[in-house]
Amino acid sequence: MLEVQKIERKLFMKNYKKILGYSLMLAAILIVVRLPNMAYPIPDEDGMDIDLYILEVVLNIVRYVLLSIFSFVLGIKIVFKN
């Protein structure tokens, strides 16, 4: 009986890890698809300095692309781990 429980727990954890890996890969794809909407900051009522605006856009793009790459690589590593 104890061995059956160990096998069931192992199968459950394996399925859980696959679901987690696929959801991380899906999150990475959604981040890249939604990137144009998330990258551009909303200007204030007073306006915004163009240099500051460009800096914020570049930083947002770099942040979301790095997050997407990290999520995708981690998802692939979890799904295809032996």
Protein backbone atom coordinates (compact mmCIF):
# COMPACT_ATOMS: atom_id res chain seq x y z
CA MET A 1 0.00 0.00 0.00
CA LEU A 2 2.81 2.40 0.84
CA GLU A 3 4.51 1.84 -2.52
CA VAL A 4 1.27 2.58 -4.38
CA GLN A 5 0.97 5.89 -2.55
CA LYS A 6 4.56 6.79 -3.44
CA ILE A 7 3.92 6.01 -7.12
CA GLU A 8 0.68 8.04 -7.11
CA ARG A 9 2.43 10.98 -5.47
CA LYS A 10 5.26 10.79 -8.00
CA LEU A 11 2.80 10.80 -10.92
CA PHE A 12 0.89 13.72 -9.42
CA MET A 13 4.08 15.76 -9.00
CA LYS A 14 5.13 14.95 -12.56
CA ASN A 15 1.80 16.20 -13.92
CA TYR A 16 1.96 19.26 -11.66
CA LYS A 17 5.42 20.14 -12.97
CA LYS A 18 4.26 19.78 -16.58
CA ILE A 19 1.30 22.06 -15.97
CA LEU A 20 3.58 24.59 -14.27
CA GLY A 21 6.07 24.43 -17.15
CA TYR A 22 3.41 24.90 -19.82
CA SER A 23 1.84 27.79 -17.92
CA LEU A 24 5.24 29.51 -17.66
CA MET A 25 5.72 29.13 -21.41
CA LEU A 26 2.22 30.49 -22.02
CA ALA A 27 2.95 33.46 -19.75
CA ALA A 28 6.13 34.17 -21.72
CA ILE A 29 4.22 34.14 -25.00
CA LEU A 30 1.48 36.40 -23.60
CA ILE A 31 4.08 38.88 -22.33
CA VAL A 32 5.59 39.15 -25.81
CA VAL A 33 2.17 39.48 -27.46
CA ARG A 34 1.03 42.17 -25.01
CA LEU A 35 4.39 44.00 -25.08
CA PRO A 36 3.29 46.98 -27.22
CA ASN A 37 0.48 47.80 -24.79
CA MET A 38 2.67 47.43 -21.69
CA ALA A 39 5.83 49.16 -22.89
CA TYR A 40 4.65 52.73 -23.39
CA PRO A 41 4.20 54.85 -20.25
CA ILE A 42 1.16 57.08 -19.82
CA PRO A 43 2.16 60.76 -19.95
CA ASP A 44 1.16 63.13 -17.14
CA GLU A 45 -1.10 66.17 -17.52
CA ASP A 46 1.99 68.38 -17.49
CA GLY A 47 3.54 66.47 -20.35
CA MET A 48 6.69 64.42 -20.31
CA ASP A 49 10.28 65.05 -21.23
CA ILE A 50 11.06 63.18 -24.47
CA ASP A 51 14.34 61.79 -23.12
CA LEU A 52 12.64 60.48 -20.02
CA TYR A 53 9.85 58.99 -22.13
CA ILE A 54 12.31 57.14 -24.40
CA LEU A 55 14.25 55.91 -21.37
CA GLU A 56 11.09 54.52 -19.77
CA VAL A 57 10.05 52.80 -23.01
CA VAL A 58 13.45 51.16 -23.43
CA LEU A 59 13.56 50.05 -19.80
CA ASN A 60 10.03 48.60 -20.00
CA ILE A 61 10.84 46.68 -23.19
CA VAL A 62 14.07 45.28 -21.74
CA ARG A 63 12.33 44.31 -18.50
CA TYR A 64 9.45 42.49 -20.20
CA VAL A 65 11.66 40.75 -22.77
CA LEU A 66 14.01 39.49 -20.04
CA LEU A 67 11.03 38.31 -17.98
CA SER A 68 9.63 36.54 -21.02
CA ILE A 69 12.94 34.81 -21.84
CA PHE A 70 13.37 33.74 -18.21
CA SER A 71 9.84 32.33 -18.03
CA PHE A 72 10.16 30.49 -21.32
CA VAL A 73 13.52 28.92 -20.48
CA LEU A 74 12.35 27.93 -17.00
CA GLY A 75 9.15 26.45 -18.46
CA ILE A 76 11.08 24.39 -21.03
CA LYS A 77 13.47 23.20 -18.35
CA ILE A 78 10.62 22.08 -16.09
CA VAL A 79 8.61 20.37 -18.86
CA PHE A 80 11.43 18.48 -20.51
CA LYS A 81 13.35 17.49 -17.38
CA ASN A 82 13.81 13.73 -17.17
